[in-house]
Amino acid sequence: MKEIVRSHISVGRWGNPEELGGVAVFLASEASSYMNGQMLMVDGGVSEILSFSMSVV
C-alpha cells in the first residue's frame, strides 16, 4: 500500500519531518502576518493529484 501511495506523490518520495521546518518558520514570521484562512499543503504534490482525480469523477 505504501508503494501505491508513493507512486502518486509528484516528487516521487515520502517527505521528511525536516521539510516542514521552513513552513513553520514562515508561519511564525512577520512574512505571513497578512495571511488569513489559508491552507499550506506540504505534501509533495499529493493534494494536487487527489483534487484532479476528484474533479474527473
C-alpha atoms as a PDB file:
ATOM      1  CA  MET A   1       0.000   0.000   0.000  1.00  0.00           C
ATOM      2  CA  LYS A   2       2.838   2.403   0.839  1.00  0.00           C
ATOM      3  CA  GLU A   3       4.333   1.927  -2.626  1.00  0.00           C
ATOM      4  CA  ILE A   4       0.987   2.619  -4.298  1.00  0.00           C
ATOM      5  CA  VAL A   5       0.644   5.898  -2.396  1.00  0.00           C
ATOM      6  CA  ARG A   6       4.297   6.832  -3.001  1.00  0.00           C
ATOM      7  CA  SER A   7       3.844   6.272  -6.723  1.00  0.00           C
ATOM      8  CA  HIS A   8       1.212   9.044  -6.719  1.00  0.00           C
ATOM      9  CA  ILE A   9       3.413  11.598  -4.949  1.00  0.00           C
ATOM     10  CA  SER A  10       4.603  14.115  -7.556  1.00  0.00           C
ATOM     11  CA  VAL A  11       8.124  14.349  -6.138  1.00  0.00           C
ATOM     12  CA  GLY A  12       8.298  10.534  -6.055  1.00  0.00           C
ATOM     13  CA  ARG A  13       9.190  10.028  -2.408  1.00  0.00           C
ATOM     14  CA  TRP A  14       7.890  10.336   1.118  1.00  0.00           C
ATOM     15  CA  GLY A  15       8.600  13.612   2.875  1.00  0.00           C
ATOM     16  CA  ASN A  16      10.930  14.116   5.816  1.00  0.00           C
ATOM     17  CA  PRO A  17       9.907  15.840   9.061  1.00  0.00           C
ATOM     18  CA  GLU A  18      12.712  18.372   8.492  1.00  0.00           C
ATOM     19  CA  GLU A  19      10.934  19.579   5.350  1.00  0.00           C
ATOM     20  CA  LEU A  20       8.144  21.060   7.464  1.00  0.00           C
ATOM     21  CA  GLY A  21      10.551  23.430   9.220  1.00  0.00           C
ATOM     22  CA  GLY A  22      10.553  26.083   6.507  1.00  0.00           C
ATOM     23  CA  VAL A  23       6.761  26.327   6.534  1.00  0.00           C
ATOM     24  CA  ALA A  24       6.689  26.501  10.327  1.00  0.00           C
ATOM     25  CA  VAL A  25       9.284  29.303  10.324  1.00  0.00           C
ATOM     26  CA  PHE A  26       7.334  31.177   7.640  1.00  0.00           C
ATOM     27  CA  LEU A  27       4.053  30.911   9.550  1.00  0.00           C
ATOM     28  CA  ALA A  28       5.721  32.082  12.749  1.00  0.00           C
ATOM     29  CA  SER A  29       7.389  35.014  10.996  1.00  0.00           C
ATOM     30  CA  GLU A  30       6.272  38.511  10.087  1.00  0.00           C
ATOM     31  CA  ALA A  31       6.265  37.406   6.431  1.00  0.00           C
ATOM     32  CA  SER A  32       2.960  35.601   6.998  1.00  0.00           C
ATOM     33  CA  SER A  33       1.326  38.401   9.009  1.00  0.00           C
ATOM     34  CA  TYR A  34      -1.204  39.215   6.263  1.00  0.00           C
ATOM     35  CA  MET A  35      -2.244  35.592   5.678  1.00  0.00           C
ATOM     36  CA  ASN A  36      -5.656  34.549   6.855  1.00  0.00           C
ATOM     37  CA  GLY A  37      -7.563  31.322   6.343  1.00  0.00           C
ATOM     38  CA  GLN A  38      -5.081  29.629   4.022  1.00  0.00           C
ATOM     39  CA  MET A  39      -4.008  26.019   3.851  1.00  0.00           C
ATOM     40  CA  LEU A  40      -0.373  25.376   3.004  1.00  0.00           C
ATOM     41  CA  MET A  41      -0.088  21.845   1.727  1.00  0.00           C
ATOM     42  CA  VAL A  42       3.331  20.342   2.378  1.00  0.00           C
ATOM     43  CA  ASP A  43       2.635  17.005   0.762  1.00  0.00           C
ATOM     44  CA  GLY A  44       4.913  16.642  -2.247  1.00  0.00           C
ATOM     45  CA  GLY A  45       2.021  17.269  -4.622  1.00  0.00           C
ATOM     46  CA  VAL A  46      -0.377  14.581  -3.380  1.00  0.00           C
ATOM     47  CA  SER A  47      -3.218  17.054  -2.848  1.00  0.00           C
ATOM     48  CA  GLU A  48      -2.891  18.237  -6.461  1.00  0.00           C
ATOM     49  CA  ILE A  49      -3.237  14.689  -7.756  1.00  0.00           C
ATOM     50  CA  LEU A  50      -6.173  13.974  -5.432  1.00  0.00           C
ATOM     51  CA  SER A  51      -8.026  17.167  -6.325  1.00  0.00           C
ATOM     52  CA  PHE A  52      -7.547  16.413 -10.037  1.00  0.00           C
ATOM     53  CA  SER A  53      -8.816  12.856  -9.540  1.00  0.00           C
ATOM     54  CA  MET A  54     -11.882  14.113  -7.666  1.00  0.00           C
ATOM     55  CA  SER A  55     -12.714  16.655 -10.386  1.00  0.00           C
ATOM     56  CA  VAL A  56     -12.603  13.971 -13.079  1.00  0.00           C
ATOM     57  CA  VAL A  57     -15.063  11.698 -11.252  1.00  0.00           C
END
